[in-house]
Structures are given as structure tokens and as C-alpha cells.
C-alpha atoms as a PDB file:
ATOM      1  CA  GLN A   1     -13.863  11.982  10.270  1.00  0.00           C
ATOM      2  CA  ILE A   2     -10.444  10.522   8.487  1.00  0.00           C
ATOM      3  CA  ARG A   3     -11.344   7.162   6.259  1.00  0.00           C
ATOM      4  CA  LEU A   4      -8.693   5.069   4.599  1.00  0.00           C
ATOM      5  CA  ALA A   5      -9.803   2.949   1.006  1.00  0.00           C
ATOM      6  CA  GLU A   6      -7.770   0.827  -0.016  1.00  0.00           C
ATOM      7  CA  SER A   7      -9.013  -0.616  -3.712  1.00  0.00           C
ATOM      8  CA  GLY A   8      -7.361  -2.909  -6.519  1.00  0.00           C
ATOM      9  CA  GLY A   9      -6.388  -6.198  -5.098  1.00  0.00           C
ATOM     10  CA  GLY A  10      -6.914  -9.440  -6.441  1.00  0.00           C
ATOM     11  CA  LEU A  11      -5.604 -12.767  -7.466  1.00  0.00           C
ATOM     12  CA  VAL A  12      -2.473 -12.743  -9.828  1.00  0.00           C
ATOM     13  CA  GLN A  13       0.358 -15.154 -10.771  1.00  0.00           C
ATOM     14  CA  PRO A  14       3.520 -15.801 -10.201  1.00  0.00           C
ATOM     15  CA  GLY A  15       5.442 -12.973 -11.766  1.00  0.00           C
ATOM     16  CA  GLY A  16       2.255 -10.956 -12.234  1.00  0.00           C
ATOM     17  CA  SER A  17       1.712  -7.157 -11.443  1.00  0.00           C
ATOM     18  CA  LEU A  18      -1.285  -5.200  -9.677  1.00  0.00           C
ATOM     19  CA  ARG A  19      -1.637  -1.632  -9.396  1.00  0.00           C
ATOM     20  CA  LEU A  20      -3.441  -0.948  -5.164  1.00  0.00           C
ATOM     21  CA  SER A  21      -4.805   2.589  -4.930  1.00  0.00           C
ATOM     22  CA  CYS A  22      -5.297   4.265  -1.521  1.00  0.00           C
ATOM     23  CA  ALA A  23      -7.854   6.623  -1.296  1.00  0.00           C
ATOM     24  CA  GLY A  24      -8.240   9.117   1.489  1.00  0.00           C
ATOM     25  CA  SER A  25     -10.850  11.441   3.256  1.00  0.00           C
ATOM     26  CA  GLY A  26     -11.021  13.673   6.411  1.00  0.00           C
ATOM     27  CA  PHE A  27      -7.750  14.775   5.595  1.00  0.00           C
ATOM     28  CA  THR A  28      -5.568  16.418   3.295  1.00  0.00           C
ATOM     29  CA  LEU A  29      -3.062  14.007   1.758  1.00  0.00           C
ATOM     30  CA  ASP A  30      -0.677  17.145   0.686  1.00  0.00           C
ATOM     31  CA  ARG A  31       0.086  17.267   4.868  1.00  0.00           C
ATOM     32  CA  TYR A  32       0.719  13.934   5.656  1.00  0.00           C
ATOM     33  CA  GLY A  33       2.925  10.863   4.571  1.00  0.00           C
ATOM     34  CA  LEU A  34       1.362   7.697   3.950  1.00  0.00           C
ATOM     35  CA  GLY A  35       2.418   4.275   3.766  1.00  0.00           C
ATOM     36  CA  TRP A  36       2.025   0.606   2.581  1.00  0.00           C
ATOM     37  CA  PHE A  37       1.193  -2.509   5.203  1.00  0.00           C
ATOM     38  CA  ARG A  38       0.683  -5.916   4.493  1.00  0.00           C
ATOM     39  CA  GLN A  39      -0.273  -8.761   6.240  1.00  0.00           C
ATOM     40  CA  ALA A  40      -0.190 -12.497   5.379  1.00  0.00           C
ATOM     41  CA  PRO A  41      -1.701 -15.374   7.174  1.00  0.00           C
ATOM     42  CA  GLY A  42      -0.480 -15.332  10.688  1.00  0.00           C
ATOM     43  CA  LYS A  43       1.880 -13.043  10.242  1.00  0.00           C
ATOM     44  CA  GLU A  44       2.287  -9.013  11.846  1.00  0.00           C
ATOM     45  CA  ARG A  45       0.917  -6.548   9.745  1.00  0.00           C
ATOM     46  CA  GLU A  46       4.940  -4.982   8.219  1.00  0.00           C
ATOM     47  CA  GLY A  47       6.015  -1.630   6.427  1.00  0.00           C
ATOM     48  CA  ILE A  48       6.085  -1.904   2.762  1.00  0.00           C
ATOM     49  CA  SER A  49       6.910   1.341   1.320  1.00  0.00           C
ATOM     50  CA  CYS A  50       5.966   4.900   2.524  1.00  0.00           C
ATOM     51  CA  ILE A  51       5.611   8.360   0.492  1.00  0.00           C
ATOM     52  CA  SER A  52       6.477  12.086   2.241  1.00  0.00           C
ATOM     53  CA  ASN A  53       4.772  14.628   1.208  1.00  0.00           C
ATOM     54  CA  ARG A  54       7.660  16.147  -0.228  1.00  0.00           C
ATOM     55  CA  HIS A  55       7.416  12.838  -2.183  1.00  0.00           C
ATOM     56  CA  GLY A  56      10.587  11.502  -0.474  1.00  0.00           C
ATOM     57  CA  THR A  57      10.341   7.305  -0.382  1.00  0.00           C
ATOM     58  CA  TYR A  58      11.277   4.503   1.901  1.00  0.00           C
ATOM     59  CA  TYR A  59      10.831   0.943   0.544  1.00  0.00           C
ATOM     60  CA  ALA A  60      11.681  -2.488   2.731  1.00  0.00           C
ATOM     61  CA  ASP A  61      14.798  -4.608   1.313  1.00  0.00           C
ATOM     62  CA  PHE A  62      12.034  -6.816   0.074  1.00  0.00           C
ATOM     63  CA  ALA A  63       9.784  -4.064  -1.772  1.00  0.00           C
ATOM     64  CA  LYS A  64      12.885  -2.971  -3.354  1.00  0.00           C
ATOM     65  CA  GLY A  65      13.032  -3.215  -7.349  1.00  0.00           C
ATOM     66  CA  ARG A  66       9.470  -4.947  -7.765  1.00  0.00           C
ATOM     67  CA  PHE A  67       7.121  -1.660  -5.690  1.00  0.00           C
ATOM     68  CA  THR A  68       6.328   1.804  -6.535  1.00  0.00           C
ATOM     69  CA  ILE A  69       4.974   3.939  -4.618  1.00  0.00           C
ATOM     70  CA  SER A  70       3.302   7.084  -5.594  1.00  0.00           C
ATOM     71  CA  ARG A  71       0.480   9.680  -4.744  1.00  0.00           C
ATOM     72  CA  ASP A  72      -1.927  12.405  -6.534  1.00  0.00           C
ATOM     73  CA  ALA A  73      -2.730  14.914  -4.119  1.00  0.00           C
ATOM     74  CA  ALA A  74      -5.579  16.489  -6.478  1.00  0.00           C
ATOM     75  CA  LYS A  75      -7.064  12.411  -5.999  1.00  0.00           C
ATOM     76  CA  ASN A  76      -5.932  12.823  -1.873  1.00  0.00           C
ATOM     77  CA  THR A  77      -4.971   9.345  -3.705  1.00  0.00           C
ATOM     78  CA  VAL A  78      -1.556   6.790  -2.693  1.00  0.00           C
ATOM     79  CA  TYR A  79      -0.916   4.087  -4.627  1.00  0.00           C
ATOM     80  CA  LEU A  80       1.758   1.253  -4.925  1.00  0.00           C
ATOM     81  CA  HIS A  81       3.018  -0.483  -7.951  1.00  0.00           C
ATOM     82  CA  LEU A  82       3.069  -4.085  -7.523  1.00  0.00           C
ATOM     83  CA  ASN A  83       5.381  -5.984 -10.130  1.00  0.00           C
ATOM     84  CA  SER A  84       7.311  -9.423 -10.253  1.00  0.00           C
ATOM     85  CA  LEU A  85       5.347 -10.473  -7.463  1.00  0.00           C
ATOM     86  CA  LYS A  86       5.823 -13.653  -5.730  1.00  0.00           C
ATOM     87  CA  PRO A  87       3.588 -15.842  -3.418  1.00  0.00           C
ATOM     88  CA  GLU A  88       5.085 -14.921  -0.492  1.00  0.00           C
ATOM     89  CA  ASP A  89       3.537 -11.166  -1.790  1.00  0.00           C
ATOM     90  CA  THR A  90      -0.003 -12.645  -0.549  1.00  0.00           C
ATOM     91  CA  GLY A  91      -1.899 -10.885   1.998  1.00  0.00           C
ATOM     92  CA  VAL A  92      -3.717  -7.759   2.781  1.00  0.00           C
ATOM     93  CA  TYR A  93      -3.215  -4.458   1.161  1.00  0.00           C
ATOM     94  CA  TYR A  94      -3.417  -1.192   4.115  1.00  0.00           C
ATOM     95  CA  CYS A  95      -2.812   2.172   3.236  1.00  0.00           C
ATOM     96  CA  ASN A  96      -1.674   4.480   7.053  1.00  0.00           C
ATOM     97  CA  THR A  97       0.642   7.140   7.958  1.00  0.00           C
ATOM     98  CA  ALA A  98       4.375   5.920   8.798  1.00  0.00           C
ATOM     99  CA  GLY A  99       3.619   5.889  12.454  1.00  0.00           C
ATOM    100  CA  ARG A 100       0.147   4.460  12.247  1.00  0.00           C
ATOM    101  CA  ALA A 101      -2.062   6.873  13.464  1.00  0.00           C
ATOM    102  CA  PHE A 102      -4.797   7.057  11.246  1.00  0.00           C
ATOM    103  CA  PRO A 103      -7.621   4.125  11.217  1.00  0.00           C
ATOM    104  CA  TRP A 104      -7.366   1.588   9.722  1.00  0.00           C
ATOM    105  CA  GLY A 105      -9.637   0.499   6.719  1.00  0.00           C
ATOM    106  CA  GLN A 106     -10.321  -2.715   5.302  1.00  0.00           C
ATOM    107  CA  GLY A 107      -7.826  -3.373   3.331  1.00  0.00           C
ATOM    108  CA  THR A 108      -7.291  -5.022  -0.039  1.00  0.00           C
ATOM    109  CA  GLN A 109      -6.627  -8.937  -0.469  1.00  0.00           C
ATOM    110  CA  VAL A 110      -3.205  -9.615  -2.798  1.00  0.00           C
ATOM    111  CA  THR A 111      -3.441 -12.851  -3.661  1.00  0.00           C
ATOM    112  CA  VAL A 112      -0.529 -14.455  -5.627  1.00  0.00           C
ATOM    113  CA  SER A 113      -0.807 -17.939  -7.425  1.00  0.00           C
ATOM    114  CA  ALA A 114      -0.514 -20.338  -9.635  1.00  0.00           C
END
């Protein structure tokens, strides 16, 4: 059974940083590209970044220069490093394949507030 478990969120001040983790089970990370998504209150879920099984990366415009995606196949885990956080980055962060093919995890809450 495929499962995704996100963690690492929290409350941070504007300009702060967080490292999010997405631990996968029931599949081998080496065979899949995974990405990060987020959903702000009252808004649709949007894509942030993805990384292929060959380490190619993609970033949405709002994430370029501030967020960095990485993966550790040995741990079956994908990370998202968030830097220079802004209040508009507040939301629940999720991971999934680029095509959103896996069951969604519970997500991890990121709140950026002074």
C-alpha cells in the first residue's frame, strides 16, 4: 500500500526557514518523480516543485530562488527546503507524484506570521 507522510511544518516568522520531509512507503522512490504541493485556506491546491528520478528539478515561479527540492533514495524521502518565507506561503504542504497519482498524505501545516 502506497503511503506518503509529510512532516517538518510549523510556525515561523517572515524571512524564516523550514525543511519539510516526505517519507514514502509501498513504492521505490528511484522509480518515481515526486513533487510538493500546497493549499492555502480557500484556495486550490497548487504545485510548488518536483524532482525526477534522475534529479531533474522544476520550480513554480513563486518558489524559484527561495525553495529547494531534494531527494534521498536510501531513505525513500523527498525534502523541500523553504527559505525567505512570506506570509503568503502559509498553507498545508503535501507531496505526491507530478501527476498526483498516489493517495494524498495528511500534509504538514506551514504558518508564516509575525
